[in-house]
């Protein structure tokens, strides 16, 4: 058994070429977030992945540009 949490949006999506690296530390698919009021560091998803790994779970992102992005977190029971 497992517990699944799935978060989905119908926003801009993430380009397919970014998906393999989306959990890499400091990786930012949207270069516009490197400066300005919405500045980021590219650490958020790598932290999520590390937490899931520590708990024996998984984090998976599916996305299609212009249609959706879905994040599924799976926790072992």
Foldseek 3Di string as FASTA:
>chain_A
DKDKDKDKDFDQWADPVCQVCLLPFQDDRDPVQCDDPNHDRSHVSVVVQVVLVVQVWHWHWDIDGNGMIMIMIIGHD
